[in-house]
Amino acid sequence: MFTGIIQTRGDITAITETSPDTMALTIHAPSVLIDVRRGDSIAIDGVCLTVTEFTDHSFTADVMVQTLRLTSLGTKTTGDKVNVEPAMGAADRFGGHIVQGHVESTATVSEIEPGEQWTRMRISLPERLAPYLIDQGSITVNGISLTVAEVTEPESSQHWFDIFLIPETLEATTLGITEIGDVVNLETDILARHVARMLQFNTKEEK
């Protein structure tokens, strides 16, 4: 499990195709490798990956076909920067919200409005994810725990949501170098998804 509090920005140093539909990513991120072991989970841009090899400075993780289909990792190239968060330890501080590292969909950044103290960013929202977002609720964008500032109404023909980014977030994560048209990974609040699923079954039973 993760909390969406990014510990560092890593650099992709190698991408190796291991089969027609899988690949291995090598990422330079020494600050998160002090006590790493093979089999540990590390989130890359919000995607939970398993460490297969590591050195003092970098680690390698395999990326399967399902992950390539649902996330932006298949579009990455050597030299790209990514957000890195190791799995949460049992005694760690819970700084964000419950993040599984199971990206549900990608989306596109459609607007960026810089301000003196913050930057507003608007991101497209796939219709199937729209029911899980509320104003002031939680959303994970590229692995970052963020608060939804505004979201479209249910009857909207095209869905989007706004987030506001403080200078610290822009400095510490890849959202500071994100541009209009960039693709980002989304994971909605697991609690919202559980409630929606239970309501589906309750409605079915009432019928």
Protein backbone atom coordinates (compact mmCIF):
# COMPACT_ATOMS: atom_id res chain seq x y z
CA MET A 1 0.00 0.00 0.00
CA PHE A 2 1.05 3.59 -0.67
CA THR A 3 -0.09 7.02 0.51
CA GLY A 4 0.60 9.18 -2.54
CA ILE A 5 3.39 11.15 -0.89
CA ILE A 6 6.22 11.13 -3.45
CA GLN A 7 9.67 10.62 -1.94
CA THR A 8 11.75 11.48 -4.99
CA ARG A 9 11.81 11.96 -8.74
CA GLY A 10 13.69 9.19 -10.52
CA ASP A 11 15.24 9.00 -13.98
CA ILE A 12 14.60 6.14 -16.39
CA THR A 13 18.06 4.93 -17.42
CA ALA A 14 17.13 1.85 -19.45
CA ILE A 15 14.11 0.25 -21.10
CA THR A 16 14.51 -3.37 -22.16
CA GLU A 17 11.92 -5.32 -24.14
CA THR A 18 11.75 -8.74 -22.48
CA SER A 19 9.02 -10.12 -24.77
CA PRO A 20 6.60 -8.75 -27.41
CA ASP A 21 4.27 -7.48 -24.66
CA THR A 22 6.49 -6.95 -21.60
CA MET A 23 9.44 -4.76 -20.74
CA ALA A 24 11.83 -3.98 -17.91
CA LEU A 25 12.38 -0.46 -16.58
CA THR A 26 15.59 0.59 -14.84
CA ILE A 27 15.23 3.71 -12.71
CA HIS A 28 17.90 5.80 -11.00
CA ALA A 29 16.57 6.73 -7.56
CA PRO A 30 19.26 6.18 -4.91
CA SER A 31 17.39 7.85 -2.03
CA VAL A 32 14.74 5.08 -1.89
CA LEU A 33 17.19 2.16 -2.09
CA ILE A 34 18.83 2.28 1.34
CA ASP A 35 17.16 -0.92 2.60
CA VAL A 36 15.51 -2.23 -0.58
CA ARG A 37 15.22 -5.96 -1.26
CA ARG A 38 14.20 -8.03 -4.25
CA GLY A 39 10.43 -8.41 -4.30
CA ASP A 40 9.78 -5.04 -2.67
CA SER A 41 7.02 -2.87 -4.09
CA ILE A 42 7.81 0.59 -5.42
CA ALA A 43 5.29 2.85 -7.17
CA ILE A 44 6.44 4.53 -10.38
CA ASP A 45 4.10 7.33 -11.51
CA GLY A 46 1.48 5.62 -9.38
CA VAL A 47 2.03 2.13 -10.78
CA CYS A 48 2.94 -0.54 -8.23
CA LEU A 49 5.97 -2.46 -9.55
CA THR A 50 8.11 -5.22 -8.05
CA VAL A 51 11.87 -4.81 -7.70
CA THR A 52 13.67 -7.59 -9.58
CA GLU A 53 17.24 -6.23 -9.45
CA PHE A 54 18.93 -3.31 -7.74
CA THR A 55 22.20 -1.54 -7.07
CA ASP A 56 23.06 1.28 -4.68
CA HIS A 57 21.78 3.77 -7.22
CA SER A 58 19.07 2.15 -9.36
CA PHE A 59 16.53 -0.65 -9.53
CA THR A 60 14.83 -2.66 -12.25
CA ALA A 61 11.19 -3.75 -12.43
CA ASP A 62 9.21 -5.73 -14.99
CA VAL A 63 6.14 -4.18 -16.61
CA MET A 64 3.46 -6.60 -17.80
CA VAL A 65 1.04 -6.26 -20.72
CA GLN A 66 -1.93 -5.28 -18.50
CA THR A 67 0.11 -2.47 -16.97
CA LEU A 68 1.24 -1.28 -20.39
CA ARG A 69 -2.39 -1.22 -21.53
CA LEU A 70 -3.78 0.73 -18.57
CA THR A 71 -0.95 3.15 -17.77
CA SER A 72 1.43 5.61 -19.38
CA LEU A 73 4.54 3.52 -18.70
CA GLY A 74 4.51 2.14 -22.25
CA THR A 75 5.03 5.66 -23.60
CA LYS A 76 8.13 6.38 -21.51
CA THR A 77 11.59 6.80 -22.99
CA THR A 78 15.09 6.76 -21.55
CA GLY A 79 15.78 9.99 -19.68
CA ASP A 80 12.17 10.60 -18.64
CA LYS A 81 11.58 11.59 -15.03
CA VAL A 82 9.07 9.65 -12.92
CA ASN A 83 7.57 9.92 -9.45
CA VAL A 84 8.87 7.31 -7.00
CA GLU A 85 7.28 6.11 -3.75
CA PRO A 86 8.29 2.94 -1.86
CA ALA A 87 5.52 0.93 -0.23
CA MET A 88 4.36 2.23 3.13
CA GLY A 89 5.88 0.61 6.21
CA ALA A 90 3.64 -0.43 9.11
CA ALA A 91 5.03 2.32 11.35
CA ASP A 92 5.20 5.07 8.69
CA ARG A 93 3.25 8.31 8.92
CA PHE A 94 0.05 8.30 6.85
CA GLY A 95 0.41 11.55 4.96
CA GLY A 96 -1.89 11.22 1.94
CA HIS A 97 -4.73 8.74 1.41
CA ILE A 98 -5.03 5.01 0.73
CA VAL A 99 -3.34 4.34 -2.61
CA GLN A 100 -3.07 0.82 -4.01
CA GLY A 101 -0.80 1.53 -6.93
CA HIS A 102 -3.42 0.02 -9.25
CA VAL A 103 -3.86 2.60 -11.98
CA GLU A 104 -7.34 2.46 -13.50
CA SER A 105 -6.88 4.66 -16.55
CA THR A 106 -4.85 7.36 -18.20
CA ALA A 107 -6.07 10.89 -18.82
CA THR A 108 -4.87 14.05 -20.53
CA VAL A 109 -3.91 17.41 -19.05
CA SER A 110 -6.11 19.97 -20.82
CA GLU A 111 -5.38 23.23 -18.98
CA ILE A 112 -2.59 24.67 -16.83
CA GLU A 113 -3.06 28.06 -15.16
CA PRO A 114 -0.05 29.27 -13.16
CA GLY A 115 -0.58 31.58 -10.20
CA GLU A 116 1.64 33.33 -7.68
CA GLN A 117 0.98 30.82 -4.90
CA TRP A 118 -0.48 27.87 -6.78
CA THR A 119 -1.08 26.36 -10.21
CA ARG A 120 -4.46 25.13 -11.39
CA MET A 121 -4.43 22.02 -13.57
CA ARG A 122 -7.44 20.57 -15.40
CA ILE A 123 -7.38 16.89 -16.32
CA SER A 124 -9.80 14.92 -18.49
CA LEU A 125 -11.78 12.24 -16.67
CA PRO A 126 -12.96 8.99 -18.28
CA GLU A 127 -16.73 8.67 -17.85
CA ARG A 128 -16.47 5.36 -16.00
CA LEU A 129 -14.35 7.01 -13.28
CA ALA A 130 -16.48 10.15 -12.92
CA PRO A 131 -18.83 8.70 -10.24
CA TYR A 132 -15.91 8.21 -7.84
CA LEU A 133 -14.84 11.88 -7.66
CA ILE A 134 -16.34 14.55 -5.43
CA ASP A 135 -15.33 18.12 -4.62
CA GLN A 136 -12.65 18.04 -1.89
CA GLY A 137 -12.28 14.29 -2.33
CA SER A 138 -9.05 12.45 -3.06
CA ILE A 139 -7.52 11.48 -6.41
CA THR A 140 -4.14 10.04 -7.32
CA VAL A 141 -2.44 11.59 -10.36
CA ASN A 142 0.86 9.99 -11.41
CA GLY A 143 1.10 8.55 -7.93
CA ILE A 144 0.50 11.88 -6.14
CA SER A 145 -2.24 12.17 -3.53
CA LEU A 146 -4.22 15.29 -4.43
CA THR A 147 -7.47 17.01 -3.48
CA VAL A 148 -10.15 17.49 -6.11
CA ALA A 149 -10.94 21.22 -6.31
CA GLU A 150 -13.77 20.98 -8.82
CA VAL A 151 -15.38 18.19 -10.82
CA THR A 152 -18.00 18.15 -13.56
CA GLU A 153 -21.67 17.42 -12.86
CA PRO A 154 -23.03 13.92 -13.58
CA GLU A 155 -24.99 15.13 -16.63
CA SER A 156 -21.91 16.60 -18.32
CA SER A 157 -21.11 15.32 -21.79
CA GLN A 158 -17.37 15.47 -21.15
CA HIS A 159 -15.88 14.99 -17.71
CA TRP A 160 -12.88 16.67 -16.12
CA PHE A 161 -11.57 17.69 -12.72
CA ASP A 162 -9.38 20.50 -11.40
CA ILE A 163 -6.53 20.28 -8.91
CA PHE A 164 -4.51 23.07 -7.32
CA LEU A 165 -0.78 22.52 -6.91
CA ILE A 166 1.38 24.29 -4.35
CA PRO A 167 5.04 25.13 -5.14
CA GLU A 168 6.27 22.18 -3.04
CA THR A 169 4.29 19.70 -5.16
CA LEU A 170 5.52 21.29 -8.38
CA GLU A 171 9.11 21.13 -7.16
CA ALA A 172 9.04 17.62 -5.70
CA THR A 173 7.07 15.80 -8.41
CA THR A 174 6.85 15.56 -12.19
CA LEU A 175 3.73 17.74 -12.23
CA GLY A 176 6.13 20.69 -12.18
CA ILE A 177 7.33 19.76 -15.68
CA THR A 178 3.97 18.56 -16.99
CA GLU A 179 2.59 20.28 -20.09
CA ILE A 180 -0.81 20.55 -21.75
CA GLY A 181 -1.47 17.35 -23.70
CA ASP A 182 0.63 15.15 -21.42
CA VAL A 183 -0.83 11.81 -20.37
CA VAL A 184 -1.13 11.04 -16.66
CA ASN A 185 -2.12 7.97 -14.62
CA LEU A 186 -5.27 8.04 -12.49
CA GLU A 187 -6.32 6.00 -9.46
CA THR A 188 -9.59 6.94 -7.78
CA ASP A 189 -10.36 6.57 -4.09
CA ILE A 190 -10.69 2.87 -3.20
CA LEU A 191 -13.30 3.69 -0.54
CA ALA A 192 -15.51 5.39 -3.13
CA ARG A 193 -15.23 2.38 -5.41
CA HIS A 194 -16.18 -0.02 -2.62
CA VAL A 195 -19.24 2.04 -1.72
CA ALA A 196 -20.33 2.21 -5.37
CA ARG A 197 -19.96 -1.58 -5.70
CA MET A 198 -22.02 -2.25 -2.58
CA LEU A 199 -24.75 0.10 -3.79
CA GLN A 200 -24.92 -1.83 -7.06
CA PHE A 201 -25.66 -5.04 -5.18
CA ASN A 202 -28.13 -3.37 -2.79
CA THR A 203 -30.04 -1.93 -5.74
CA LYS A 204 -30.12 -5.37 -7.38
CA GLU A 205 -31.49 -7.00 -4.22
CA GLU A 206 -34.23 -4.37 -3.84
CA LYS A 207 -35.50 -5.14 -7.34
